Amino acid sequence: MKAIALLEVQAMVAAITGLDAMVKAADVKLIHVEKRLGGRLVTVVVEGEVSAVRAALDAGAAAAAEVGKVKCCEVIARPHPDVMAFLTTG
């Protein structure tokens, strides 16, 4: 079953650190990056199997928290096609 994980952090360094941990921890693929406030608020989105994205999100949030502030993180199992279209446009 496909799922996505969203990790929103304060600061680009925390985002990169969290993303690095996510892709190293599990078989997930980066599908979207959203930068707001000049890169002071960054959201990364990865996709994969439910268990993989959960493991990746746990690892990513822990790593990001060591160097910055984690604002929010969430796993969405079986995202609706409209959600995927929103993430892959632009």
C-alpha atoms as a PDB file:
ATOM      1  CA  MET A   1       0.000   0.000   0.000  1.00  0.00           C
ATOM      2  CA  LYS A   2       1.414   3.398  -0.962  1.00  0.00           C
ATOM      3  CA  ALA A   3       1.688   6.243   1.506  1.00  0.00           C
ATOM      4  CA  ILE A   4       3.270   9.657   1.854  1.00  0.00           C
ATOM      5  CA  ALA A   5       5.058  11.216   4.802  1.00  0.00           C
ATOM      6  CA  LEU A   6       5.273  14.958   5.362  1.00  0.00           C
ATOM      7  CA  LEU A   7       7.952  16.511   7.550  1.00  0.00           C
ATOM      8  CA  GLU A   8       7.723  20.241   8.186  1.00  0.00           C
ATOM      9  CA  VAL A   9      10.635  21.918   9.920  1.00  0.00           C
ATOM     10  CA  GLN A  10      11.937  25.339  10.700  1.00  0.00           C
ATOM     11  CA  ALA A  11      15.129  26.067   8.701  1.00  0.00           C
ATOM     12  CA  MET A  12      16.687  24.535   5.614  1.00  0.00           C
ATOM     13  CA  VAL A  13      19.486  22.771   7.521  1.00  0.00           C
ATOM     14  CA  ALA A  14      16.950  20.867   9.627  1.00  0.00           C
ATOM     15  CA  ALA A  15      15.048  19.913   6.450  1.00  0.00           C
ATOM     16  CA  ILE A  16      18.140  18.556   4.734  1.00  0.00           C
ATOM     17  CA  THR A  17      19.239  16.705   7.869  1.00  0.00           C
ATOM     18  CA  GLY A  18      15.774  15.194   8.278  1.00  0.00           C
ATOM     19  CA  LEU A  19      15.508  14.235   4.615  1.00  0.00           C
ATOM     20  CA  ASP A  20      18.930  12.600   4.672  1.00  0.00           C
ATOM     21  CA  ALA A  21      17.872  10.472   7.639  1.00  0.00           C
ATOM     22  CA  MET A  22      14.564   9.601   5.963  1.00  0.00           C
ATOM     23  CA  VAL A  23      16.046   8.278   2.739  1.00  0.00           C
ATOM     24  CA  LYS A  24      18.767   6.385   4.602  1.00  0.00           C
ATOM     25  CA  ALA A  25      16.329   4.783   7.066  1.00  0.00           C
ATOM     26  CA  ALA A  26      13.857   3.239   4.627  1.00  0.00           C
ATOM     27  CA  ASP A  27      12.987   2.642   0.999  1.00  0.00           C
ATOM     28  CA  VAL A  28      11.311   5.982   0.283  1.00  0.00           C
ATOM     29  CA  LYS A  29      11.567   8.528  -2.531  1.00  0.00           C
ATOM     30  CA  LEU A  30      11.465  12.313  -2.305  1.00  0.00           C
ATOM     31  CA  ILE A  31       8.512  13.640  -4.309  1.00  0.00           C
ATOM     32  CA  HIS A  32       8.082  17.241  -3.173  1.00  0.00           C
ATOM     33  CA  VAL A  33       9.790  20.099  -1.336  1.00  0.00           C
ATOM     34  CA  GLU A  34       7.944  23.233  -0.303  1.00  0.00           C
ATOM     35  CA  LYS A  35       9.857  26.283   0.945  1.00  0.00           C
ATOM     36  CA  ARG A  36       8.089  29.184   2.633  1.00  0.00           C
ATOM     37  CA  LEU A  37       9.245  32.358   4.313  1.00  0.00           C
ATOM     38  CA  GLY A  38      12.504  32.402   2.395  1.00  0.00           C
ATOM     39  CA  GLY A  39      13.406  28.845   3.410  1.00  0.00           C
ATOM     40  CA  ARG A  40      12.693  29.380   7.095  1.00  0.00           C
ATOM     41  CA  LEU A  41       9.818  26.883   6.906  1.00  0.00           C
ATOM     42  CA  VAL A  42      10.408  23.792   4.767  1.00  0.00           C
ATOM     43  CA  THR A  43       8.206  20.774   4.112  1.00  0.00           C
ATOM     44  CA  VAL A  44       9.576  17.608   2.524  1.00  0.00           C
ATOM     45  CA  VAL A  45       7.323  14.836   1.229  1.00  0.00           C
ATOM     46  CA  VAL A  46       8.428  11.264   0.588  1.00  0.00           C
ATOM     47  CA  GLU A  47       6.494   8.282  -0.731  1.00  0.00           C
ATOM     48  CA  GLY A  48       6.746   4.532  -0.334  1.00  0.00           C
ATOM     49  CA  GLU A  49       5.048   1.678   1.443  1.00  0.00           C
ATOM     50  CA  VAL A  50       3.259   2.546   4.693  1.00  0.00           C
ATOM     51  CA  SER A  51       5.792   0.852   6.954  1.00  0.00           C
ATOM     52  CA  ALA A  52       8.685   2.458   5.101  1.00  0.00           C
ATOM     53  CA  VAL A  53       7.314   5.992   5.294  1.00  0.00           C
ATOM     54  CA  ARG A  54       6.516   5.573   8.997  1.00  0.00           C
ATOM     55  CA  ALA A  55      10.075   4.420   9.698  1.00  0.00           C
ATOM     56  CA  ALA A  56      11.492   7.193   7.537  1.00  0.00           C
ATOM     57  CA  LEU A  57       9.391   9.847   9.256  1.00  0.00           C
ATOM     58  CA  ASP A  58      10.447   8.675  12.715  1.00  0.00           C
ATOM     59  CA  ALA A  59      14.109   8.826  11.712  1.00  0.00           C
ATOM     60  CA  GLY A  60      13.742  12.136   9.892  1.00  0.00           C
ATOM     61  CA  ALA A  61      11.899  13.884  12.692  1.00  0.00           C
ATOM     62  CA  ALA A  62      14.447  12.716  15.267  1.00  0.00           C
ATOM     63  CA  ALA A  63      17.391  13.857  13.153  1.00  0.00           C
ATOM     64  CA  ALA A  64      15.803  17.207  12.301  1.00  0.00           C
ATOM     65  CA  ALA A  65      14.968  17.864  15.955  1.00  0.00           C
ATOM     66  CA  GLU A  66      18.664  17.601  16.826  1.00  0.00           C
ATOM     67  CA  VAL A  67      19.540  20.625  14.661  1.00  0.00           C
ATOM     68  CA  GLY A  68      16.292  22.587  14.429  1.00  0.00           C
ATOM     69  CA  LYS A  69      12.617  22.663  15.266  1.00  0.00           C
ATOM     70  CA  VAL A  70      10.126  20.142  13.884  1.00  0.00           C
ATOM     71  CA  LYS A  71       6.823  21.911  13.308  1.00  0.00           C
ATOM     72  CA  CYS A  72       4.687  19.008  12.120  1.00  0.00           C
ATOM     73  CA  CYS A  73       4.930  15.497  10.715  1.00  0.00           C
ATOM     74  CA  GLU A  74       2.281  13.201   9.313  1.00  0.00           C
ATOM     75  CA  VAL A  75       1.807   9.938   7.401  1.00  0.00           C
ATOM     76  CA  ILE A  76      -1.055   9.651   4.927  1.00  0.00           C
ATOM     77  CA  ALA A  77      -1.823   6.117   3.773  1.00  0.00           C
ATOM     78  CA  ARG A  78      -3.392   5.690   0.330  1.00  0.00           C
ATOM     79  CA  PRO A  79      -3.496   9.416  -0.491  1.00  0.00           C
ATOM     80  CA  HIS A  80      -6.281  10.502  -2.833  1.00  0.00           C
ATOM     81  CA  PRO A  81      -5.168  11.104  -6.445  1.00  0.00           C
ATOM     82  CA  ASP A  82      -6.049  14.806  -6.060  1.00  0.00           C
ATOM     83  CA  VAL A  83      -3.559  15.074  -3.188  1.00  0.00           C
ATOM     84  CA  MET A  84      -0.868  13.487  -5.336  1.00  0.00           C
ATOM     85  CA  ALA A  85      -1.697  15.853  -8.203  1.00  0.00           C
ATOM     86  CA  PHE A  86      -1.327  18.794  -5.811  1.00  0.00           C
ATOM     87  CA  LEU A  87       2.119  17.575  -4.740  1.00  0.00           C
ATOM     88  CA  THR A  88       3.422  16.849  -8.226  1.00  0.00           C
ATOM     89  CA  THR A  89       2.243  19.986 -10.053  1.00  0.00           C
ATOM     90  CA  GLY A  90       4.355  23.080 -10.463  1.00  0.00           C
END
